Amino acid sequence: MPSASPYLSLIIPCYRQEKIIIANLRQLLSALDKTRYSYEIIVVIDGEIDQTFAKIKKTEQTSFPRSFTDVGNGRAGHCIEQ
């Protein structure tokens, strides 16, 4: 149940996860959809050397009615500032 003002913010750090990220996100979304809480998911890609975020964005357009955000290659402070 995503909304404009989420009750829960999940920050998922990713590094070299292209092989498993889609399956993991599907499991996470399935569990979250069973709760009564609104939520947002923030995917943090730090030093991407594979296609993790590209896979998320490609799949998001067809399977995920959610918004995923890549805050870029930065440290924890950078992510918090975003």
C-alpha atoms as a PDB file:
ATOM      1  CA  MET A   1       0.000   0.000   0.000  1.00  0.00           C
ATOM      2  CA  PRO A   2       2.393   2.750  -1.140  1.00  0.00           C
ATOM      3  CA  SER A   3       1.294   6.301  -0.479  1.00  0.00           C
ATOM      4  CA  ALA A   4       2.457   9.904  -0.677  1.00  0.00           C
ATOM      5  CA  SER A   5       3.247   9.916   3.048  1.00  0.00           C
ATOM      6  CA  PRO A   6       4.482   6.442   3.974  1.00  0.00           C
ATOM      7  CA  TYR A   7       4.375   5.039   7.468  1.00  0.00           C
ATOM      8  CA  LEU A   8       7.342   2.776   6.763  1.00  0.00           C
ATOM      9  CA  SER A   9      10.478   3.537   4.751  1.00  0.00           C
ATOM     10  CA  LEU A  10      12.633   0.586   3.764  1.00  0.00           C
ATOM     11  CA  ILE A  11      16.171   1.316   2.692  1.00  0.00           C
ATOM     12  CA  ILE A  12      17.763  -1.532   0.793  1.00  0.00           C
ATOM     13  CA  PRO A  13      21.496  -1.266   0.140  1.00  0.00           C
ATOM     14  CA  CYS A  14      22.547  -3.133  -2.995  1.00  0.00           C
ATOM     15  CA  TYR A  15      25.929  -4.104  -4.304  1.00  0.00           C
ATOM     16  CA  ARG A  16      26.253  -6.676  -7.065  1.00  0.00           C
ATOM     17  CA  GLN A  17      22.710  -8.012  -6.606  1.00  0.00           C
ATOM     18  CA  GLU A  18      21.524  -8.286 -10.208  1.00  0.00           C
ATOM     19  CA  LYS A  19      21.010 -12.052  -9.997  1.00  0.00           C
ATOM     20  CA  ILE A  20      18.736 -11.976  -6.941  1.00  0.00           C
ATOM     21  CA  ILE A  21      17.282  -8.474  -6.560  1.00  0.00           C
ATOM     22  CA  ILE A  22      14.044  -9.062  -8.479  1.00  0.00           C
ATOM     23  CA  ALA A  23      13.140 -12.233  -6.558  1.00  0.00           C
ATOM     24  CA  ASN A  24      13.987 -10.516  -3.266  1.00  0.00           C
ATOM     25  CA  LEU A  25      11.873  -7.468  -4.081  1.00  0.00           C
ATOM     26  CA  ARG A  26       8.912  -9.639  -5.092  1.00  0.00           C
ATOM     27  CA  GLN A  27       9.081 -11.470  -1.754  1.00  0.00           C
ATOM     28  CA  LEU A  28       9.370  -8.207   0.145  1.00  0.00           C
ATOM     29  CA  LEU A  29       6.449  -6.613  -1.699  1.00  0.00           C
ATOM     30  CA  SER A  30       4.312  -9.679  -1.156  1.00  0.00           C
ATOM     31  CA  ALA A  31       4.900  -9.481   2.585  1.00  0.00           C
ATOM     32  CA  LEU A  32       4.378  -5.711   2.744  1.00  0.00           C
ATOM     33  CA  ASP A  33       1.117  -5.887   0.818  1.00  0.00           C
ATOM     34  CA  LYS A  34      -0.274  -8.115   3.575  1.00  0.00           C
ATOM     35  CA  THR A  35       0.257  -5.411   6.196  1.00  0.00           C
ATOM     36  CA  ARG A  36      -1.943  -2.413   6.868  1.00  0.00           C
ATOM     37  CA  TYR A  37       0.959   0.023   6.618  1.00  0.00           C
ATOM     38  CA  SER A  38       1.798   2.432   3.839  1.00  0.00           C
ATOM     39  CA  TYR A  39       5.399   2.164   2.724  1.00  0.00           C
ATOM     40  CA  GLU A  40       8.113   3.267   0.385  1.00  0.00           C
ATOM     41  CA  ILE A  41      11.158   1.362  -0.815  1.00  0.00           C
ATOM     42  CA  ILE A  42      14.459   3.120  -1.375  1.00  0.00           C
ATOM     43  CA  VAL A  43      17.089   1.087  -3.174  1.00  0.00           C
ATOM     44  CA  VAL A  44      20.602   2.401  -2.608  1.00  0.00           C
ATOM     45  CA  ILE A  45      23.123   1.431  -5.256  1.00  0.00           C
ATOM     46  CA  ASP A  46      26.648   2.112  -4.043  1.00  0.00           C
ATOM     47  CA  GLY A  47      29.358   1.688  -6.620  1.00  0.00           C
ATOM     48  CA  GLU A  48      27.272  -0.229  -9.137  1.00  0.00           C
ATOM     49  CA  ILE A  49      29.374  -2.476 -11.311  1.00  0.00           C
ATOM     50  CA  ASP A  50      26.555  -4.635 -12.616  1.00  0.00           C
ATOM     51  CA  GLN A  51      22.998  -4.143 -13.852  1.00  0.00           C
ATOM     52  CA  THR A  52      21.153  -4.229 -10.517  1.00  0.00           C
ATOM     53  CA  PHE A  53      19.321  -0.928 -10.881  1.00  0.00           C
ATOM     54  CA  ALA A  54      18.701  -1.378 -14.595  1.00  0.00           C
ATOM     55  CA  LYS A  55      16.940  -4.677 -13.818  1.00  0.00           C
ATOM     56  CA  ILE A  56      14.820  -3.018 -11.147  1.00  0.00           C
ATOM     57  CA  LYS A  57      13.763  -0.193 -13.453  1.00  0.00           C
ATOM     58  CA  LYS A  58      13.003  -2.555 -16.339  1.00  0.00           C
ATOM     59  CA  THR A  59      10.916  -4.863 -14.150  1.00  0.00           C
ATOM     60  CA  GLU A  60       9.250  -1.969 -12.336  1.00  0.00           C
ATOM     61  CA  GLN A  61       7.591  -0.830 -15.533  1.00  0.00           C
ATOM     62  CA  THR A  62       5.870  -4.183 -16.019  1.00  0.00           C
ATOM     63  CA  SER A  63       5.614  -5.889 -12.623  1.00  0.00           C
ATOM     64  CA  PHE A  64       6.079  -3.454  -9.779  1.00  0.00           C
ATOM     65  CA  PRO A  65       3.401  -0.806  -9.284  1.00  0.00           C
ATOM     66  CA  ARG A  66       5.861   0.931  -6.984  1.00  0.00           C
ATOM     67  CA  SER A  67       8.506   3.575  -7.146  1.00  0.00           C
ATOM     68  CA  PHE A  68      12.105   2.602  -6.548  1.00  0.00           C
ATOM     69  CA  THR A  69      14.778   5.225  -6.071  1.00  0.00           C
ATOM     70  CA  ASP A  70      18.498   5.015  -6.736  1.00  0.00           C
ATOM     71  CA  VAL A  71      20.208   7.718  -4.689  1.00  0.00           C
ATOM     72  CA  GLY A  72      23.450   7.155  -6.506  1.00  0.00           C
ATOM     73  CA  ASN A  73      26.928   6.233  -5.562  1.00  0.00           C
ATOM     74  CA  GLY A  74      27.377   7.826  -2.178  1.00  0.00           C
ATOM     75  CA  ARG A  75      27.914   7.185   1.466  1.00  0.00           C
ATOM     76  CA  ALA A  76      25.220   6.874   4.131  1.00  0.00           C
ATOM     77  CA  GLY A  77      25.199  10.631   4.748  1.00  0.00           C
ATOM     78  CA  HIS A  78      24.484  11.287   1.090  1.00  0.00           C
ATOM     79  CA  CYS A  79      21.521   8.888   1.181  1.00  0.00           C
ATOM     80  CA  ILE A  80      20.072  10.553   4.265  1.00  0.00           C
ATOM     81  CA  GLU A  81      20.367  14.007   2.693  1.00  0.00           C
ATOM     82  CA  GLN A  82      18.355  12.859  -0.337  1.00  0.00           C
END
